[in-house]
C-alpha atoms as a PDB file:
ATOM      1  CA  MET A   1     241.113 110.697 -11.379  1.00  0.00           C
ATOM      2  CA  ILE A   2     237.708 113.307 -11.391  1.00  0.00           C
ATOM      3  CA  ARG A   3     239.944 116.151 -11.371  1.00  0.00           C
ATOM      4  CA  VAL A   4     241.884 114.972 -14.534  1.00  0.00           C
ATOM      5  CA  LEU A   5     238.717 114.458 -15.920  1.00  0.00           C
ATOM      6  CA  GLY A   6     237.465 117.728 -15.235  1.00  0.00           C
ATOM      7  CA  ALA A   7     240.605 119.150 -16.264  1.00  0.00           C
ATOM      8  CA  MET A   8     240.242 117.355 -19.933  1.00  0.00           C
ATOM      9  CA  MET A   9     236.833 118.727 -20.127  1.00  0.00           C
ATOM     10  CA  LYS A  10     237.207 122.199 -19.575  1.00  0.00           C
ATOM     11  CA  LYS A  11     240.313 121.925 -21.735  1.00  0.00           C
ATOM     12  CA  GLU A  12     238.006 120.329 -24.440  1.00  0.00           C
ATOM     13  CA  HIS A  13     235.519 123.137 -24.186  1.00  0.00           C
ATOM     14  CA  ALA A  14     237.566 126.135 -24.047  1.00  0.00           C
ATOM     15  CA  MET A  15     236.951 128.689 -26.905  1.00  0.00           C
ATOM     16  CA  THR A  16     239.835 129.458 -28.276  1.00  0.00           C
ATOM     17  CA  VAL A  17     240.830 133.216 -29.372  1.00  0.00           C
ATOM     18  CA  ARG A  18     239.855 133.105 -32.390  1.00  0.00           C
ATOM     19  CA  GLU A  19     236.437 131.984 -31.241  1.00  0.00           C
ATOM     20  CA  ASN A  20     236.199 134.132 -28.574  1.00  0.00           C
ATOM     21  CA  VAL A  21     236.498 137.113 -31.397  1.00  0.00           C
ATOM     22  CA  HIS A  22     233.713 135.515 -33.849  1.00  0.00           C
ATOM     23  CA  GLN A  23     231.491 135.694 -30.797  1.00  0.00           C
ATOM     24  CA  LEU A  24     231.964 138.617 -29.710  1.00  0.00           C
ATOM     25  CA  VAL A  25     231.844 140.420 -33.417  1.00  0.00           C
ATOM     26  CA  ASP A  26     228.480 138.206 -33.308  1.00  0.00           C
ATOM     27  CA  LYS A  27     227.345 139.764 -30.574  1.00  0.00           C
ATOM     28  CA  LEU A  28     227.783 143.178 -31.717  1.00  0.00           C
ATOM     29  CA  PRO A  29     224.945 145.611 -32.752  1.00  0.00           C
ATOM     30  CA  GLU A  30     225.167 146.461 -36.775  1.00  0.00           C
ATOM     31  CA  ASP A  31     226.384 150.237 -36.407  1.00  0.00           C
ATOM     32  CA  ARG A  32     229.404 149.080 -34.592  1.00  0.00           C
ATOM     33  CA  LEU A  33     230.262 146.429 -37.613  1.00  0.00           C
ATOM     34  CA  GLU A  34     232.062 149.292 -39.662  1.00  0.00           C
ATOM     35  CA  ASP A  35     234.261 150.561 -36.650  1.00  0.00           C
ATOM     36  CA  VAL A  36     235.264 146.670 -35.843  1.00  0.00           C
ATOM     37  CA  LEU A  37     236.095 146.511 -39.762  1.00  0.00           C
ATOM     38  CA  ASP A  38     237.964 149.466 -39.658  1.00  0.00           C
ATOM     39  CA  TYR A  39     240.198 148.562 -36.520  1.00  0.00           C
ATOM     40  CA  LEU A  40     240.868 145.002 -38.155  1.00  0.00           C
ATOM     41  CA  ALA A  41     242.065 146.658 -41.197  1.00  0.00           C
ATOM     42  CA  ASP A  42     244.451 148.833 -39.495  1.00  0.00           C
ATOM     43  CA  LEU A  43     245.693 145.879 -37.387  1.00  0.00           C
ATOM     44  CA  LYS A  44     246.642 143.828 -40.630  1.00  0.00           C
ATOM     45  CA  GLU A  45     248.146 146.796 -42.552  1.00  0.00           C
ATOM     46  CA  SER A  46     250.651 147.831 -39.618  1.00  0.00           C
ATOM     47  CA  ASP A  47     252.243 144.747 -40.371  1.00  0.00           C
ATOM     48  CA  GLU A  48     253.229 145.822 -43.952  1.00  0.00           C
ATOM     49  CA  ALA A  49     256.131 147.766 -44.584  1.00  0.00           C
ATOM     50  CA  ILE A  50     255.384 151.339 -46.060  1.00  0.00           C
ATOM     51  CA  ASN A  51     256.434 152.382 -49.059  1.00  0.00           C
ATOM     52  CA  ALA A  52     258.829 154.923 -50.170  1.00  0.00           C
ATOM     53  CA  ALA A  53     256.132 157.793 -51.123  1.00  0.00           C
ATOM     54  CA  THR A  54     254.196 156.968 -47.605  1.00  0.00           C
ATOM     55  CA  ALA A  55     257.553 157.252 -45.738  1.00  0.00           C
ATOM     56  CA  ALA A  56     258.340 160.663 -47.063  1.00  0.00           C
ATOM     57  CA  ALA A  57     254.621 161.800 -46.937  1.00  0.00           C
ATOM     58  CA  ILE A  58     255.243 160.941 -42.855  1.00  0.00           C
ATOM     59  CA  GLU A  59     258.727 162.557 -42.905  1.00  0.00           C
ATOM     60  CA  GLU A  60     257.391 165.804 -44.701  1.00  0.00           C
ATOM     61  CA  GLY A  61     254.397 165.604 -41.853  1.00  0.00           C
ATOM     62  CA  LEU A  62     256.697 165.541 -39.033  1.00  0.00           C
ATOM     63  CA  GLU A  63     259.130 168.272 -40.444  1.00  0.00           C
ATOM     64  CA  ASP A  64     256.164 170.235 -40.907  1.00  0.00           C
ATOM     65  CA  ILE A  65     255.424 169.663 -36.760  1.00  0.00           C
ATOM     66  CA  ARG A  66     258.622 170.810 -35.966  1.00  0.00           C
ATOM     67  CA  HIS A  67     258.656 174.016 -37.891  1.00  0.00           C
ATOM     68  CA  GLY A  68     255.227 175.030 -36.122  1.00  0.00           C
ATOM     69  CA  ARG A  69     253.313 174.605 -39.804  1.00  0.00           C
ATOM     70  CA  THR A  70     250.031 173.334 -37.981  1.00  0.00           C
ATOM     71  CA  ILE A  71     246.690 174.792 -37.483  1.00  0.00           C
ATOM     72  CA  SER A  72     244.394 173.377 -34.643  1.00  0.00           C
ATOM     73  CA  LEU A  73     241.783 170.864 -35.102  1.00  0.00           C
ATOM     74  CA  GLU A  74     238.961 173.484 -34.671  1.00  0.00           C
ATOM     75  CA  GLU A  75     240.127 175.711 -36.994  1.00  0.00           C
ATOM     76  CA  TYR A  76     240.736 172.611 -39.618  1.00  0.00           C
ATOM     77  CA  ARG A  77     237.160 171.936 -39.112  1.00  0.00           C
ATOM     78  CA  ARG A  78     236.060 175.250 -40.061  1.00  0.00           C
ATOM     79  CA  THR A  79     237.630 175.347 -43.048  1.00  0.00           C
ATOM     80  CA  ARG A  80     236.495 172.719 -44.239  1.00  0.00           C
ATOM     81  CA  GLY A  81     232.568 173.424 -43.020  1.00  0.00           C
ATOM     82  CA  LEU A  82     232.727 170.420 -40.374  1.00  0.00           C
END
């Protein structure tokens, strides 16, 4: 009987995943919240279908990669003054 009551109490106090996420977000420093927001937005968008224009742009980029029409990250940064 005591074991059953103990298990029931644990179930009642167990946090849901959503509650755990909220708790973790509440403990984050302010300067990390924008990162979390971006990540969550990306997760939400990943479930949505892409439109034809986006699909075409992705295919164009893949074609560029296949044909070696790329630059290094260092070159990209240099050309943009980063």
